[in-house]
Amino acid sequence: MSPSRPARGLVRQTFSIVLTCSMAGAAWLALTGCESSQEESARLERAAKLQTRNAPKGLSIAHPSTKVRAVATSVVTTPEGSAAVVTLRNDSPVAERDIPLEIDVKDAAGASVYTNTAPGLSRELTSAPLVPAHGTLVWVDDQVQPTGAAPKAVTATVGEGTAVHGAPPQITVTGAKLVNDPSNGLGGEATVTNRSQTEQGELVVFATAVRQGRIVAAGRAIIPQLAGGASANVQIFFVGNPSGAQLRVNAPATTSP
């Protein structure tokens, strides 16, 4: 017997075993739903894209407003907290609502110490509810949390809002005055009345205290719900010292018919 024949037979037998095992492995993969490395990579990539798409997004203004602009800004800083104040003016004959408002608070050296572009901020901290036609709104963010040095200035970028067709709901503020609260110190009080029949939700009351033409204190209050024709008394707590200052309060409508 030639010694080479068993060797060829062994090669054929080994090949047959390998082929059989490969076929069995493919069948097992098909039955168990196992995926290749390429399929796993594609699956992970799809999951990452989905997670990115669903992740909360912060404020980003792509197109500045052509109707509403920031005409004045100021910062009130105390050891207890800081507030940014932006005066908005609507130069158009139509009221604008839900106006994106991006602020950048800077220290004395001009370095940014706070912006309101982080994800998760509430709507009233990233937008202005309403600015009337040919009118103004003094907007307040009393939740400024600076990193680093104390805030000294603020810049504002105003985005495109939504036009209000027809007259917006009229919200009036009366009886605004300074009061001394035993627990919280000097603050403000006012009565807010919804003169329309449109219920207002999350109605923001903005307040500033002005002394010798300068804003020395600023604060906000929120009325969760104010029915048409109803009134509510609000108490406003300030960042800064409003003592001896003139109190200015406004409550723009948050819901239009």
Protein backbone atom coordinates (compact mmCIF):
# COMPACT_ATOMS: atom_id res chain seq x y z
CA MET A 1 0.00 0.00 0.00
CA SER A 2 1.31 3.43 -0.91
CA PRO A 3 2.00 5.59 2.15
CA SER A 4 0.52 8.69 0.43
CA ARG A 5 -3.07 7.34 0.11
CA PRO A 6 -3.94 7.37 3.84
CA ALA A 7 -2.67 10.94 4.00
CA ARG A 8 -5.03 12.05 1.19
CA GLY A 9 -7.89 10.19 2.89
CA LEU A 10 -7.11 11.97 6.17
CA VAL A 11 -7.16 15.36 4.45
CA ARG A 12 -10.53 14.57 2.88
CA GLN A 13 -11.91 13.43 6.22
CA THR A 14 -10.67 16.53 8.04
CA PHE A 15 -12.15 18.79 5.35
CA SER A 16 -15.45 16.98 5.68
CA ILE A 17 -15.44 17.50 9.45
CA VAL A 18 -14.59 21.20 9.15
CA LEU A 19 -17.29 21.72 6.52
CA THR A 20 -19.82 19.92 8.66
CA CYS A 21 -18.90 21.98 11.72
CA SER A 22 -19.09 25.21 9.73
CA MET A 23 -22.51 24.31 8.41
CA ALA A 24 -23.63 23.38 11.93
CA GLY A 25 -22.29 26.65 13.29
CA ALA A 26 -24.15 28.65 10.66
CA ALA A 27 -27.34 26.74 11.41
CA TRP A 28 -26.86 27.34 15.15
CA LEU A 29 -26.33 31.07 14.58
CA ALA A 30 -29.49 31.23 12.49
CA LEU A 31 -31.49 29.35 15.11
CA THR A 32 -30.21 31.34 18.08
CA GLY A 33 -30.34 34.75 16.39
CA CYS A 34 -26.67 35.50 17.02
CA GLU A 35 -25.30 38.47 15.11
CA SER A 36 -22.03 39.05 13.39
CA SER A 37 -19.62 41.77 14.48
CA GLN A 38 -20.81 43.94 11.56
CA GLU A 39 -24.45 43.53 12.61
CA GLU A 40 -23.59 44.30 16.22
CA SER A 41 -21.73 47.46 15.20
CA ALA A 42 -24.67 48.58 13.08
CA ARG A 43 -27.09 47.91 15.95
CA LEU A 44 -24.97 49.88 18.42
CA GLU A 45 -24.66 52.75 15.95
CA ARG A 46 -28.45 52.87 15.50
CA ALA A 47 -28.94 52.85 19.28
CA ALA A 48 -26.43 55.69 19.72
CA LYS A 49 -28.15 57.81 17.06
CA LEU A 50 -31.53 57.18 18.67
CA GLN A 51 -30.18 58.16 22.09
CA THR A 52 -28.68 61.36 20.67
CA ARG A 53 -31.92 62.19 18.86
CA ASN A 54 -33.98 61.72 22.03
CA ALA A 55 -31.56 63.52 24.36
CA PRO A 56 -32.89 66.81 25.80
CA LYS A 57 -31.63 69.85 23.90
CA GLY A 58 -30.81 73.25 25.29
CA LEU A 59 -31.73 76.63 23.84
CA SER A 60 -30.17 77.43 20.48
CA ILE A 61 -31.14 80.45 18.37
CA ALA A 62 -30.48 79.95 14.67
CA HIS A 63 -32.25 83.07 13.38
CA PRO A 64 -32.31 86.32 15.40
CA SER A 65 -35.62 88.14 15.46
CA THR A 66 -36.26 90.90 12.95
CA LYS A 67 -39.05 92.38 15.11
CA VAL A 68 -38.05 92.15 18.76
CA ARG A 69 -34.71 93.36 20.07
CA ALA A 70 -32.95 93.75 23.39
CA VAL A 71 -32.59 97.47 24.11
CA ALA A 72 -31.12 97.27 27.63
CA THR A 73 -29.56 94.72 29.96
CA SER A 74 -28.36 94.70 33.55
CA VAL A 75 -27.23 92.33 36.29
CA VAL A 76 -28.02 92.39 40.00
CA THR A 77 -25.52 90.49 42.14
CA THR A 78 -25.58 89.76 45.86
CA PRO A 79 -23.84 87.16 48.03
CA GLU A 80 -27.13 85.22 48.04
CA GLY A 81 -27.69 85.14 44.27
CA SER A 82 -27.75 86.93 40.93
CA ALA A 83 -30.42 88.05 38.47
CA ALA A 84 -30.25 89.08 34.82
CA VAL A 85 -32.63 91.71 33.46
CA VAL A 86 -33.35 92.24 29.75
CA THR A 87 -35.60 94.96 28.33
CA LEU A 88 -37.19 93.84 25.05
CA ARG A 89 -38.81 96.11 22.50
CA ASN A 90 -41.17 95.05 19.71
CA ASP A 91 -40.86 97.47 16.80
CA SER A 92 -43.57 95.77 14.73
CA PRO A 93 -47.33 96.48 14.62
CA VAL A 94 -48.09 92.91 15.72
CA ALA A 95 -47.61 91.41 19.20
CA GLU A 96 -45.11 88.57 19.45
CA ARG A 97 -45.29 85.62 21.83
CA ASP A 98 -43.02 82.72 22.86
CA ILE A 99 -39.87 84.62 21.97
CA PRO A 100 -36.64 82.65 22.49
CA LEU A 101 -34.19 84.63 24.59
CA GLU A 102 -30.58 83.58 25.08
CA ILE A 103 -28.48 85.31 27.72
CA ASP A 104 -24.75 85.21 28.33
CA VAL A 105 -23.71 86.53 31.74
CA LYS A 106 -20.11 87.74 31.99
CA ASP A 107 -17.70 88.69 34.76
CA ALA A 108 -15.68 91.91 35.00
CA ALA A 109 -13.05 90.47 32.64
CA GLY A 110 -15.66 89.65 29.99
CA ALA A 111 -15.52 85.88 30.56
CA SER A 112 -18.79 83.96 30.39
CA VAL A 113 -19.92 82.70 33.80
CA TYR A 114 -23.49 81.63 32.97
CA THR A 115 -25.77 80.99 30.00
CA ASN A 116 -29.36 79.75 29.86
CA THR A 117 -28.63 77.27 27.06
CA ALA A 118 -28.29 74.17 29.25
CA PRO A 119 -30.88 71.41 28.66
CA GLY A 120 -33.70 71.10 31.16
CA LEU A 121 -34.38 74.78 31.93
CA SER A 122 -38.03 75.78 32.18
CA ARG A 123 -39.66 77.78 29.40
CA GLU A 124 -39.91 81.01 31.38
CA LEU A 125 -36.10 81.01 31.77
CA THR A 126 -35.43 80.63 28.05
CA SER A 127 -38.16 82.72 26.42
CA ALA A 128 -40.29 85.83 26.82
CA PRO A 129 -44.05 85.16 27.01
CA LEU A 130 -45.26 88.16 25.02
CA VAL A 131 -44.13 91.61 23.88
CA PRO A 132 -46.97 93.86 22.71
CA ALA A 133 -46.96 95.67 19.38
CA HIS A 134 -44.78 98.79 19.59
CA GLY A 135 -44.29 97.91 23.26
CA THR A 136 -41.70 96.70 25.75
CA LEU A 137 -41.24 93.94 28.30
CA VAL A 138 -38.77 93.87 31.17
CA TRP A 139 -37.81 90.18 31.46
CA VAL A 140 -36.09 88.77 34.56
CA ASP A 141 -34.09 85.60 35.18
CA ASP A 142 -33.55 85.39 38.94
CA GLN A 143 -32.06 81.89 38.73
CA VAL A 144 -28.60 82.86 37.45
CA GLN A 145 -26.01 80.47 38.88
CA PRO A 146 -22.59 81.75 37.87
CA THR A 147 -19.41 79.73 37.85
CA GLY A 148 -16.28 81.60 38.85
CA ALA A 149 -16.23 85.36 39.36
CA ALA A 150 -19.26 87.51 40.15
CA PRO A 151 -21.46 88.57 37.21
CA LYS A 152 -21.04 92.14 35.98
CA ALA A 153 -22.82 92.28 32.62
CA VAL A 154 -25.13 90.34 30.33
CA THR A 155 -25.65 90.11 26.59
CA ALA A 156 -28.88 88.89 25.01
CA THR A 157 -29.80 87.27 21.71
CA VAL A 158 -33.47 87.37 20.72
CA GLY A 159 -34.94 84.66 18.48
CA GLU A 160 -37.99 84.59 16.24
CA GLY A 161 -41.27 84.49 18.12
CA THR A 162 -44.82 83.79 16.96
CA ALA A 163 -47.14 86.55 15.78
CA VAL A 164 -50.35 87.07 17.77
CA HIS A 165 -53.31 87.57 15.45
CA GLY A 166 -55.80 89.88 17.06
CA ALA A 167 -55.55 91.56 20.44
CA PRO A 168 -53.65 89.48 23.03
CA PRO A 169 -55.29 88.79 26.42
CA GLN A 170 -55.04 91.79 28.74
CA ILE A 171 -53.38 91.12 32.09
CA THR A 172 -53.24 94.03 34.53
CA VAL A 173 -51.17 94.56 37.67
CA THR A 174 -52.45 96.84 40.43
CA GLY A 175 -51.49 97.73 43.98
CA ALA A 176 -47.79 96.97 43.54
CA LYS A 177 -45.91 97.90 46.72
CA LEU A 178 -42.96 96.94 48.87
CA VAL A 179 -43.71 94.94 52.02
CA ASN A 180 -41.50 93.70 54.82
CA ASP A 181 -41.96 89.96 55.29
CA PRO A 182 -40.84 88.76 58.75
CA SER A 183 -39.30 85.60 57.30
CA ASN A 184 -37.95 86.73 53.93
CA GLY A 185 -37.26 90.43 54.38
CA LEU A 186 -38.25 93.21 52.01
CA GLY A 187 -40.25 92.05 49.01
CA GLY A 188 -43.11 93.06 46.76
CA GLU A 189 -46.84 92.53 46.60
CA ALA A 190 -49.31 93.04 43.76
CA THR A 191 -52.71 91.97 42.45
CA VAL A 192 -52.79 90.41 38.99
CA THR A 193 -56.08 90.34 37.07
CA ASN A 194 -56.91 88.44 33.89
CA ARG A 195 -59.16 90.85 31.96
CA SER A 196 -59.73 88.33 29.19
CA GLN A 197 -61.78 85.13 29.01
CA THR A 198 -58.68 83.08 28.14
CA GLU A 199 -57.29 81.10 31.04
CA GLN A 200 -53.61 81.72 31.67
CA GLY A 201 -51.24 78.95 32.71
CA GLU A 202 -47.81 79.47 34.33
CA LEU A 203 -48.32 83.24 34.28
CA VAL A 204 -44.99 84.91 35.08
CA VAL A 205 -44.94 88.17 37.03
CA PHE A 206 -41.73 90.15 36.44
CA ALA A 207 -40.64 92.83 38.91
CA THR A 208 -37.78 95.30 39.11
CA ALA A 209 -36.92 97.93 41.70
CA VAL A 210 -35.44 101.10 40.20
CA ARG A 211 -33.50 103.68 42.19
CA GLN A 212 -32.09 106.80 40.48
CA GLY A 213 -32.56 105.22 37.07
CA ARG A 214 -30.71 102.03 38.01
CA ILE A 215 -32.16 98.56 38.61
CA VAL A 216 -31.11 97.62 42.14
CA ALA A 217 -33.30 94.54 42.63
CA ALA A 218 -35.21 92.08 40.44
CA GLY A 219 -37.45 89.07 40.95
CA ARG A 220 -40.30 86.94 39.64
CA ALA A 221 -43.42 85.20 40.78
CA ILE A 222 -45.42 82.52 38.97
CA ILE A 223 -49.18 82.06 39.07
CA PRO A 224 -49.80 78.41 38.09
CA GLN A 225 -53.31 79.10 36.76
CA LEU A 226 -55.44 82.23 36.38
CA ALA A 227 -58.93 81.81 34.97
CA GLY A 228 -60.58 84.35 32.70
CA GLY A 229 -61.84 87.31 34.72
CA ALA A 230 -60.07 86.15 37.88
CA SER A 231 -57.53 87.92 40.11
CA ALA A 232 -54.67 86.67 42.26
CA ASN A 233 -52.46 88.29 44.87
CA VAL A 234 -48.76 87.55 44.44
CA GLN A 235 -45.71 88.00 46.62
CA ILE A 236 -42.39 88.70 44.93
CA PHE A 237 -38.98 88.00 46.44
CA PHE A 238 -36.04 89.99 45.12
CA VAL A 239 -32.42 89.49 44.31
CA GLY A 240 -30.93 92.75 45.56
CA ASN A 241 -32.18 95.44 47.92
CA PRO A 242 -35.36 97.23 46.78
CA SER A 243 -35.41 99.60 49.77
CA GLY A 244 -36.36 103.13 48.73
CA ALA A 245 -36.74 102.11 45.06
CA GLN A 246 -39.65 102.42 42.66
CA LEU A 247 -41.37 99.08 42.01
CA ARG A 248 -42.21 98.16 38.42
CA VAL A 249 -44.26 95.02 37.81
CA ASN A 250 -45.68 93.46 34.63
CA ALA A 251 -47.35 90.15 33.79
CA PRO A 252 -47.52 89.43 30.05
CA ALA A 253 -50.06 86.88 28.85
CA THR A 254 -48.74 83.35 28.40
CA THR A 255 -51.74 81.95 26.52
CA SER A 256 -53.42 83.57 23.53
CA PRO A 257 -56.76 82.44 22.01
